[in-house]
Amino acid sequence: MNISILGTGWLGLPLAKKLKEEHTVKGSVTGREKMQKLREAGITPYQIKIFTEGIQGDLTSFLAHSEILIIDIPPGLRSDPKADFVGKIGRIIDYIEKSPIEKVLFVSSTSVYKDEEDIPEYTEENEANGISEAAKQLISSEKMVLKNKHFQTTVIRFGGLIGPGRHPVNFLANKTGIKNPKAPINLIQQIDCIEIINQIIKKEAWGKIFNAAYPDHPTKEDYYTKTAKEKNLNIPDFDQNGISKGKKISSVNLKEVLDYEFKGTI
């Protein structure tokens, strides 16, 4: 098949390399200096930037001749709380509707679910109920792509991403007063993110929502203390005074639809 991946960063680039083994792949980057990496991997590169006001780059050609579009772009709401991610997705949809794209895979996040004191367990059968600005924008974006009749959409809600060069413990090791020490962690290895996407495409699991986090959920305090020791980092300091809020992410569809077995651990 012909697949276009909008966003070939930390996850999108290795994903593109994996899919290239069986498919023809186009990939987008925001900076020209990153295009050579895609070329070297046999991926057709495009420089595209998405704005609420419009698109910079040839998105029409990027989508042309492709049956599948993978949208893997960060909302950017941490660095810019006023960013209009919903507007950007709406702008992309305008182009998809005029393209040959038949299937869309939208990479979302488990942040669409609310943290609570009673530590709820969420599956895909639970309504997304997050109240942060980022959660609200992700939920609205998910709904926009899911309800569109011009293409079929599958949404993947990944937990915290870990893998080569990326682990939250590196950020937390020198922190003090970290909140919610008793909250469960919901993490997933890059290798599993890639393989889940690969399996969705192979098994044509469209029109679905998948929660995707490793099925073990130690507390934040236990996990990051243990991991910091293993990596010879400073032990993070946790705030024991407040009540911990959190959630546990589980999946029905990974098992029932994909019969998926995790490759990595946390």
C-alpha atoms as a PDB file:
ATOM      1  CA  MET A   1       0.000   0.000   0.000  1.00  0.00           C
ATOM      2  CA  ASN A   2       0.927   3.665  -0.199  1.00  0.00           C
ATOM      3  CA  ILE A   3       1.106   5.259   3.248  1.00  0.00           C
ATOM      4  CA  SER A   4       1.695   8.890   4.214  1.00  0.00           C
ATOM      5  CA  ILE A   5       2.956   9.634   7.737  1.00  0.00           C
ATOM      6  CA  LEU A   6       2.341  13.195   8.861  1.00  0.00           C
ATOM      7  CA  GLY A   7       5.054  13.692  11.481  1.00  0.00           C
ATOM      8  CA  THR A   8       8.206  11.571  11.355  1.00  0.00           C
ATOM      9  CA  GLY A   9       9.816  12.423  14.663  1.00  0.00           C
ATOM     10  CA  TRP A  10      10.836  10.157  17.542  1.00  0.00           C
ATOM     11  CA  LEU A  11       8.034   7.666  16.811  1.00  0.00           C
ATOM     12  CA  GLY A  12       7.167   8.486  13.203  1.00  0.00           C
ATOM     13  CA  LEU A  13      10.629   7.927  11.718  1.00  0.00           C
ATOM     14  CA  PRO A  14      11.227   4.376  13.039  1.00  0.00           C
ATOM     15  CA  LEU A  15       7.580   3.632  12.203  1.00  0.00           C
ATOM     16  CA  ALA A  16       8.187   4.783   8.624  1.00  0.00           C
ATOM     17  CA  LYS A  17      11.269   2.553   8.401  1.00  0.00           C
ATOM     18  CA  LYS A  18       9.263  -0.455   9.616  1.00  0.00           C
ATOM     19  CA  LEU A  19       6.355   0.151   7.231  1.00  0.00           C
ATOM     20  CA  LYS A  20       8.799   0.696   4.364  1.00  0.00           C
ATOM     21  CA  GLU A  21       9.593  -3.024   4.532  1.00  0.00           C
ATOM     22  CA  GLU A  22       6.192  -3.813   2.985  1.00  0.00           C
ATOM     23  CA  HIS A  23       4.750  -0.523   1.731  1.00  0.00           C
ATOM     24  CA  THR A  24       5.609   2.656  -0.144  1.00  0.00           C
ATOM     25  CA  VAL A  25       5.961   5.416   2.443  1.00  0.00           C
ATOM     26  CA  LYS A  26       5.970   9.204   2.378  1.00  0.00           C
ATOM     27  CA  GLY A  27       6.989  11.124   5.494  1.00  0.00           C
ATOM     28  CA  SER A  28       6.714  14.741   6.570  1.00  0.00           C
ATOM     29  CA  VAL A  29       9.101  16.838   8.638  1.00  0.00           C
ATOM     30  CA  THR A  30       8.931  20.488   9.661  1.00  0.00           C
ATOM     31  CA  GLY A  31      12.606  21.301   8.994  1.00  0.00           C
ATOM     32  CA  ARG A  32      14.496  20.895   5.715  1.00  0.00           C
ATOM     33  CA  GLU A  33      17.582  19.565   7.526  1.00  0.00           C
ATOM     34  CA  LYS A  34      15.642  16.420   8.529  1.00  0.00           C
ATOM     35  CA  MET A  35      14.660  15.483   4.977  1.00  0.00           C
ATOM     36  CA  GLN A  36      17.948  13.713   4.227  1.00  0.00           C
ATOM     37  CA  LYS A  37      17.326  11.172   7.001  1.00  0.00           C
ATOM     38  CA  LEU A  38      14.093  10.159   5.280  1.00  0.00           C
ATOM     39  CA  ARG A  39      15.745   9.927   1.867  1.00  0.00           C
ATOM     40  CA  GLU A  40      18.471   7.683   3.269  1.00  0.00           C
ATOM     41  CA  ALA A  41      15.783   5.370   4.661  1.00  0.00           C
ATOM     42  CA  GLY A  42      13.993   5.142   1.300  1.00  0.00           C
ATOM     43  CA  ILE A  43      11.107   7.321   2.458  1.00  0.00           C
ATOM     44  CA  THR A  44       9.880  10.125   0.189  1.00  0.00           C
ATOM     45  CA  PRO A  45      10.327  13.329   2.244  1.00  0.00           C
ATOM     46  CA  TYR A  46       8.075  16.375   2.412  1.00  0.00           C
ATOM     47  CA  GLN A  47       8.572  19.564   4.400  1.00  0.00           C
ATOM     48  CA  ILE A  48       5.152  20.471   5.816  1.00  0.00           C
ATOM     49  CA  LYS A  49       4.084  22.754   8.641  1.00  0.00           C
ATOM     50  CA  ILE A  50       0.509  22.842   9.901  1.00  0.00           C
ATOM     51  CA  PHE A  51      -1.016  26.099  11.099  1.00  0.00           C
ATOM     52  CA  THR A  52      -4.578  26.935  12.037  1.00  0.00           C
ATOM     53  CA  GLU A  53      -4.536  29.565   9.309  1.00  0.00           C
ATOM     54  CA  GLY A  54      -3.213  27.216   6.613  1.00  0.00           C
ATOM     55  CA  ILE A  55      -0.591  24.733   5.485  1.00  0.00           C
ATOM     56  CA  GLN A  56       3.025  25.472   4.613  1.00  0.00           C
ATOM     57  CA  GLY A  57       4.231  22.867   2.104  1.00  0.00           C
ATOM     58  CA  ASP A  58       2.639  20.656  -0.526  1.00  0.00           C
ATOM     59  CA  LEU A  59       0.139  18.654   1.513  1.00  0.00           C
ATOM     60  CA  THR A  60      -1.859  17.849  -1.628  1.00  0.00           C
ATOM     61  CA  SER A  61       1.086  15.960  -3.191  1.00  0.00           C
ATOM     62  CA  PHE A  62       1.905  14.391   0.170  1.00  0.00           C
ATOM     63  CA  LEU A  63      -1.565  12.812   0.280  1.00  0.00           C
ATOM     64  CA  ALA A  64      -1.793  12.018  -3.441  1.00  0.00           C
ATOM     65  CA  HIS A  65      -1.758   8.303  -4.400  1.00  0.00           C
ATOM     66  CA  SER A  66      -1.894   7.209  -0.723  1.00  0.00           C
ATOM     67  CA  GLU A  67      -4.629   5.027   0.748  1.00  0.00           C
ATOM     68  CA  ILE A  68      -3.609   5.485   4.390  1.00  0.00           C
ATOM     69  CA  LEU A  69      -2.667   8.596   6.364  1.00  0.00           C
ATOM     70  CA  ILE A  70      -1.066   8.351   9.814  1.00  0.00           C
ATOM     71  CA  ILE A  71      -1.366  11.602  11.782  1.00  0.00           C
ATOM     72  CA  ASP A  72       1.376  11.714  14.416  1.00  0.00           C
ATOM     73  CA  ILE A  73       1.861  15.371  15.263  1.00  0.00           C
ATOM     74  CA  PRO A  74       2.156  16.705  18.828  1.00  0.00           C
ATOM     75  CA  PRO A  75      -0.559  19.106  20.011  1.00  0.00           C
ATOM     76  CA  GLY A  76       2.157  21.439  21.326  1.00  0.00           C
ATOM     77  CA  LEU A  77      -0.046  22.637  24.172  1.00  0.00           C
ATOM     78  CA  ARG A  78       2.628  22.312  26.850  1.00  0.00           C
ATOM     79  CA  SER A  79       4.874  24.847  25.173  1.00  0.00           C
ATOM     80  CA  ASP A  80       1.953  26.964  23.944  1.00  0.00           C
ATOM     81  CA  PRO A  81      -1.230  26.583  26.028  1.00  0.00           C
ATOM     82  CA  LYS A  82      -3.111  28.790  23.573  1.00  0.00           C
ATOM     83  CA  ALA A  83      -2.304  26.607  20.555  1.00  0.00           C
ATOM     84  CA  ASP A  84      -5.342  25.612  18.482  1.00  0.00           C
ATOM     85  CA  PHE A  85      -4.717  21.913  17.796  1.00  0.00           C
ATOM     86  CA  VAL A  86      -8.356  21.339  16.848  1.00  0.00           C
ATOM     87  CA  GLY A  87      -8.020  24.042  14.215  1.00  0.00           C
ATOM     88  CA  LYS A  88      -4.927  22.348  12.788  1.00  0.00           C
ATOM     89  CA  ILE A  89      -6.699  18.985  12.550  1.00  0.00           C
ATOM     90  CA  GLY A  90      -9.643  20.679  10.879  1.00  0.00           C
ATOM     91  CA  ARG A  91      -7.292  22.180   8.318  1.00  0.00           C
ATOM     92  CA  ILE A  92      -5.764  18.754   7.613  1.00  0.00           C
ATOM     93  CA  ILE A  93      -9.243  17.223   7.202  1.00  0.00           C
ATOM     94  CA  ASP A  94     -10.049  19.791   4.503  1.00  0.00           C
ATOM     95  CA  TYR A  95      -7.163  18.365   2.473  1.00  0.00           C
ATOM     96  CA  ILE A  96      -7.934  14.713   3.259  1.00  0.00           C
ATOM     97  CA  GLU A  97     -11.477  15.112   1.923  1.00  0.00           C
ATOM     98  CA  LYS A  98     -10.076  16.162  -1.462  1.00  0.00           C
ATOM     99  CA  SER A  99      -7.485  13.360  -1.544  1.00  0.00           C
ATOM    100  CA  PRO A 100      -7.590   9.593  -2.269  1.00  0.00           C
ATOM    101  CA  ILE A 101      -7.012   8.801   1.435  1.00  0.00           C
ATOM    102  CA  GLU A 102      -9.410   6.046   2.555  1.00  0.00           C
ATOM    103  CA  LYS A 103      -8.123   5.312   6.076  1.00  0.00           C
ATOM    104  CA  VAL A 104      -6.763   7.583   8.787  1.00  0.00           C
ATOM    105  CA  LEU A 105      -4.831   6.462  11.851  1.00  0.00           C
ATOM    106  CA  PHE A 106      -4.835   9.218  14.460  1.00  0.00           C
ATOM    107  CA  VAL A 107      -2.216   9.050  17.217  1.00  0.00           C
ATOM    108  CA  SER A 108      -3.736  10.351  20.446  1.00  0.00           C
ATOM    109  CA  SER A 109      -2.929  10.025  24.144  1.00  0.00           C
ATOM    110  CA  THR A 110      -4.286   8.477  27.335  1.00  0.00           C
ATOM    111  CA  SER A 111      -4.361  12.042  28.694  1.00  0.00           C
ATOM    112  CA  VAL A 112      -7.931  12.138  27.328  1.00  0.00           C
ATOM    113  CA  TYR A 113      -8.896  10.299  30.538  1.00  0.00           C
ATOM    114  CA  LYS A 114      -9.200  12.140  33.839  1.00  0.00           C
ATOM    115  CA  ASP A 115      -7.018  11.431  36.881  1.00  0.00           C
ATOM    116  CA  GLU A 116      -9.092  10.750  40.020  1.00  0.00           C
ATOM    117  CA  GLU A 117      -8.446  10.031  43.707  1.00  0.00           C
ATOM    118  CA  ASP A 118     -10.097   6.602  43.450  1.00  0.00           C
ATOM    119  CA  ILE A 119      -7.711   5.616  40.605  1.00  0.00           C
ATOM    120  CA  PRO A 120     -10.274   4.512  37.971  1.00  0.00           C
ATOM    121  CA  GLU A 121      -9.429   1.880  35.370  1.00  0.00           C
ATOM    122  CA  TYR A 122     -10.250   2.968  31.827  1.00  0.00           C
ATOM    123  CA  THR A 123     -10.757   0.841  28.730  1.00  0.00           C
ATOM    124  CA  GLU A 124     -11.852   1.925  25.255  1.00  0.00           C
ATOM    125  CA  GLU A 125     -15.425   1.397  26.421  1.00  0.00           C
ATOM    126  CA  ASN A 126     -15.125   4.370  28.800  1.00  0.00           C
ATOM    127  CA  GLU A 127     -15.951   7.861  27.612  1.00  0.00           C
ATOM    128  CA  ALA A 128     -12.964  10.191  27.335  1.00  0.00           C
ATOM    129  CA  ASN A 129     -13.514  12.595  30.241  1.00  0.00           C
ATOM    130  CA  GLY A 130     -10.334  14.668  30.581  1.00  0.00           C
ATOM    131  CA  ILE A 131     -10.770  18.289  31.670  1.00  0.00           C
ATOM    132  CA  SER A 132      -7.380  19.848  30.919  1.00  0.00           C
ATOM    133  CA  GLU A 133      -7.107  22.075  27.863  1.00  0.00           C
ATOM    134  CA  ALA A 134      -4.880  19.497  26.150  1.00  0.00           C
ATOM    135  CA  ALA A 135      -7.360  16.693  26.897  1.00  0.00           C
ATOM    136  CA  LYS A 136     -10.307  18.717  25.621  1.00  0.00           C
ATOM    137  CA  GLN A 137      -8.522  19.536  22.369  1.00  0.00           C
ATOM    138  CA  LEU A 138      -7.443  15.931  21.833  1.00  0.00           C
ATOM    139  CA  ILE A 139     -10.978  14.675  22.508  1.00  0.00           C
ATOM    140  CA  SER A 140     -12.452  17.193  20.054  1.00  0.00           C
ATOM    141  CA  SER A 141      -9.826  16.246  17.449  1.00  0.00           C
ATOM    142  CA  GLU A 142     -10.567  12.543  17.885  1.00  0.00           C
ATOM    143  CA  LYS A 143     -14.279  13.165  17.383  1.00  0.00           C
ATOM    144  CA  MET A 144     -13.632  15.211  14.232  1.00  0.00           C
ATOM    145  CA  VAL A 145     -11.710  12.431  12.502  1.00  0.00           C
ATOM    146  CA  LEU A 146     -13.907   9.598  13.802  1.00  0.00           C
ATOM    147  CA  LYS A 147     -17.178  11.099  12.607  1.00  0.00           C
ATOM    148  CA  ASN A 148     -15.976  12.133   9.138  1.00  0.00           C
ATOM    149  CA  LYS A 149     -17.715  10.088   6.424  1.00  0.00           C
ATOM    150  CA  HIS A 150     -15.030  10.654   3.760  1.00  0.00           C
ATOM    151  CA  PHE A 151     -12.647   8.133   5.365  1.00  0.00           C
ATOM    152  CA  GLN A 152     -12.451   5.471   8.080  1.00  0.00           C
ATOM    153  CA  THR A 153     -10.530   6.336  11.222  1.00  0.00           C
ATOM    154  CA  THR A 154      -8.826   4.392  13.969  1.00  0.00           C
ATOM    155  CA  VAL A 155      -7.588   6.247  17.054  1.00  0.00           C
ATOM    156  CA  ILE A 156      -4.703   5.000  19.197  1.00  0.00           C
ATOM    157  CA  ARG A 157      -4.380   6.440  22.698  1.00  0.00           C
ATOM    158  CA  PHE A 158      -0.796   5.767  23.718  1.00  0.00           C
ATOM    159  CA  GLY A 159       0.434   5.959  27.295  1.00  0.00           C
ATOM    160  CA  GLY A 160       3.705   7.677  28.103  1.00  0.00           C
ATOM    161  CA  LEU A 161       6.244   6.861  25.410  1.00  0.00           C
ATOM    162  CA  ILE A 162       9.592   5.345  26.368  1.00  0.00           C
ATOM    163  CA  GLY A 163      12.389   3.922  24.271  1.00  0.00           C
ATOM    164  CA  PRO A 164      15.697   4.922  22.659  1.00  0.00           C
ATOM    165  CA  GLY A 165      16.866   8.201  24.164  1.00  0.00           C
ATOM    166  CA  ARG A 166      13.560   8.835  25.881  1.00  0.00           C
ATOM    167  CA  HIS A 167      12.555   8.038  29.460  1.00  0.00           C
ATOM    168  CA  PRO A 168      10.729  10.264  31.997  1.00  0.00           C
ATOM    169  CA  VAL A 169      13.121   9.210  34.793  1.00  0.00           C
ATOM    170  CA  ASN A 170      15.852  11.317  33.166  1.00  0.00           C
ATOM    171  CA  PHE A 171      13.660  14.372  33.716  1.00  0.00           C
ATOM    172  CA  LEU A 172      12.397  13.365  37.167  1.00  0.00           C
ATOM    173  CA  ALA A 173      15.744  12.322  38.701  1.00  0.00           C
ATOM    174  CA  ASN A 174      16.612  15.822  39.916  1.00  0.00           C
ATOM    175  CA  LYS A 175      13.081  16.880  40.791  1.00  0.00           C
ATOM    176  CA  THR A 176      11.701  17.400  44.306  1.00  0.00           C
ATOM    177  CA  GLY A 177       8.132  17.434  45.570  1.00  0.00           C
ATOM    178  CA  ILE A 178       6.777  15.301  42.716  1.00  0.00           C
ATOM    179  CA  LYS A 179       2.999  14.994  43.015  1.00  0.00           C
ATOM    180  CA  ASN A 180       0.851  11.841  43.002  1.00  0.00           C
ATOM    181  CA  PRO A 181       3.428   9.260  44.194  1.00  0.00           C
ATOM    182  CA  LYS A 182       0.777   6.528  44.547  1.00  0.00           C
ATOM    183  CA  ALA A 183      -0.646   7.023  41.040  1.00  0.00           C
ATOM    184  CA  PRO A 184      -0.153   4.079  38.664  1.00  0.00           C
ATOM    185  CA  ILE A 185       2.142   4.569  35.693  1.00  0.00           C
ATOM    186  CA  ASN A 186       0.898   3.994  32.158  1.00  0.00           C
ATOM    187  CA  LEU A 187       3.883   3.615  29.841  1.00  0.00           C
ATOM    188  CA  ILE A 188       4.581   1.934  26.518  1.00  0.00           C
ATOM    189  CA  GLN A 189       7.767   1.092  24.627  1.00  0.00           C
ATOM    190  CA  GLN A 190       8.416   2.529  21.161  1.00  0.00           C
ATOM    191  CA  ILE A 191       8.715  -1.006  19.757  1.00  0.00           C
ATOM    192  CA  ASP A 192       5.129  -1.760  20.835  1.00  0.00           C
ATOM    193  CA  CYS A 193       3.771   1.512  19.452  1.00  0.00           C
ATOM    194  CA  ILE A 194       5.239   0.622  16.066  1.00  0.00           C
ATOM    195  CA  GLU A 195       4.052  -2.979  16.102  1.00  0.00           C
ATOM    196  CA  ILE A 196       0.503  -2.052  17.188  1.00  0.00           C
ATOM    197  CA  ILE A 197       0.237   0.391  14.275  1.00  0.00           C
ATOM    198  CA  ASN A 198       1.663  -2.254  11.947  1.00  0.00           C
ATOM    199  CA  GLN A 199      -0.910  -4.801  13.135  1.00  0.00           C
ATOM    200  CA  ILE A 200      -3.811  -2.357  12.741  1.00  0.00           C
ATOM    201  CA  ILE A 201      -2.808  -1.855   9.099  1.00  0.00           C
ATOM    202  CA  LYS A 202      -2.228  -5.591   8.471  1.00  0.00           C
ATOM    203  CA  LYS A 203      -5.514  -6.660  10.059  1.00  0.00           C
ATOM    204  CA  GLU A 204      -7.439  -3.666   8.693  1.00  0.00           C
ATOM    205  CA  ALA A 205      -8.710  -2.770  12.141  1.00  0.00           C
ATOM    206  CA  TRP A 206     -10.418   0.467  11.121  1.00  0.00           C
ATOM    207  CA  GLY A 207     -13.214   2.334  12.844  1.00  0.00           C
ATOM    208  CA  LYS A 208     -11.763   1.420  16.259  1.00  0.00           C
ATOM    209  CA  ILE A 209     -10.275   3.057  19.343  1.00  0.00           C
ATOM    210  CA  PHE A 210      -7.270   1.409  20.998  1.00  0.00           C
ATOM    211  CA  ASN A 211      -5.862   2.181  24.428  1.00  0.00           C
ATOM    212  CA  ALA A 212      -2.198   1.217  24.429  1.00  0.00           C
ATOM    213  CA  ALA A 213      -0.152   1.023  27.630  1.00  0.00           C
ATOM    214  CA  TYR A 214       1.910  -1.817  29.070  1.00  0.00           C
ATOM    215  CA  PRO A 215      -0.356  -3.942  31.322  1.00  0.00           C
ATOM    216  CA  ASP A 216       1.803  -3.592  34.484  1.00  0.00           C
ATOM    217  CA  HIS A 217       1.055  -0.477  36.526  1.00  0.00           C
ATOM    218  CA  PRO A 218       3.388   0.002  39.525  1.00  0.00           C
ATOM    219  CA  THR A 219       3.056   3.282  41.410  1.00  0.00           C
ATOM    220  CA  LYS A 220       4.943   6.310  40.174  1.00  0.00           C
ATOM    221  CA  GLU A 221       7.071   6.335  43.346  1.00  0.00           C
ATOM    222  CA  ASP A 222       7.991   2.634  43.194  1.00  0.00           C
ATOM    223  CA  TYR A 223       8.713   2.598  39.490  1.00  0.00           C
ATOM    224  CA  TYR A 224      10.792   5.756  39.212  1.00  0.00           C
ATOM    225  CA  THR A 225      12.738   5.001  42.393  1.00  0.00           C
ATOM    226  CA  LYS A 226      13.626   1.541  41.051  1.00  0.00           C
ATOM    227  CA  THR A 227      14.421   2.841  37.549  1.00  0.00           C
ATOM    228  CA  ALA A 228      16.595   5.679  38.877  1.00  0.00           C
ATOM    229  CA  LYS A 229      18.628   3.167  40.898  1.00  0.00           C
ATOM    230  CA  GLU A 230      19.053   0.934  37.838  1.00  0.00           C
ATOM    231  CA  LYS A 231      20.286   3.879  35.773  1.00  0.00           C
ATOM    232  CA  ASN A 232      22.505   5.268  38.585  1.00  0.00           C
ATOM    233  CA  LEU A 233      20.510   8.510  38.697  1.00  0.00           C
ATOM    234  CA  ASN A 234      19.452  10.594  41.667  1.00  0.00           C
ATOM    235  CA  ILE A 235      16.357   9.193  43.380  1.00  0.00           C
ATOM    236  CA  PRO A 236      13.372  11.465  42.636  1.00  0.00           C
ATOM    237  CA  ASP A 237      11.787  13.147  45.664  1.00  0.00           C
ATOM    238  CA  PHE A 238       8.027  12.674  46.026  1.00  0.00           C
ATOM    239  CA  ASP A 239       5.457  14.784  47.865  1.00  0.00           C
ATOM    240  CA  GLN A 240       3.861  12.463  50.431  1.00  0.00           C
ATOM    241  CA  ASN A 241       1.477  15.058  51.878  1.00  0.00           C
ATOM    242  CA  GLY A 242      -1.244  15.299  49.230  1.00  0.00           C
ATOM    243  CA  ILE A 243      -3.712  12.653  48.081  1.00  0.00           C
ATOM    244  CA  SER A 244      -2.564  10.949  44.891  1.00  0.00           C
ATOM    245  CA  LYS A 245      -4.739  11.226  41.816  1.00  0.00           C
ATOM    246  CA  GLY A 246      -4.257   8.907  38.867  1.00  0.00           C
ATOM    247  CA  LYS A 247      -5.723   6.298  36.539  1.00  0.00           C
ATOM    248  CA  LYS A 248      -5.004   2.864  35.170  1.00  0.00           C
ATOM    249  CA  ILE A 249      -5.143   2.400  31.392  1.00  0.00           C
ATOM    250  CA  SER A 250      -6.307  -0.980  30.126  1.00  0.00           C
ATOM    251  CA  SER A 251      -7.334  -2.261  26.715  1.00  0.00           C
ATOM    252  CA  VAL A 252     -10.077  -4.559  25.523  1.00  0.00           C
ATOM    253  CA  ASN A 253      -9.379  -4.058  21.823  1.00  0.00           C
ATOM    254  CA  LEU A 254      -5.668  -4.858  21.813  1.00  0.00           C
ATOM    255  CA  LYS A 255      -6.583  -8.397  22.842  1.00  0.00           C
ATOM    256  CA  GLU A 256      -9.958  -8.881  21.169  1.00  0.00           C
ATOM    257  CA  VAL A 257      -9.247  -7.165  17.844  1.00  0.00           C
ATOM    258  CA  LEU A 258      -5.482  -7.573  17.395  1.00  0.00           C
ATOM    259  CA  ASP A 259      -4.720 -10.482  19.757  1.00  0.00           C
ATOM    260  CA  TYR A 260      -1.668  -8.393  20.631  1.00  0.00           C
ATOM    261  CA  GLU A 261       1.199  -9.573  22.827  1.00  0.00           C
ATOM    262  CA  PHE A 262       3.597  -6.898  24.085  1.00  0.00           C
ATOM    263  CA  LYS A 263       7.173  -7.057  22.797  1.00  0.00           C
ATOM    264  CA  GLY A 264       8.802  -4.620  25.225  1.00  0.00           C
ATOM    265  CA  THR A 265       8.577  -4.160  28.970  1.00  0.00           C
ATOM    266  CA  ILE A 266       8.759  -1.104  31.185  1.00  0.00           C
END
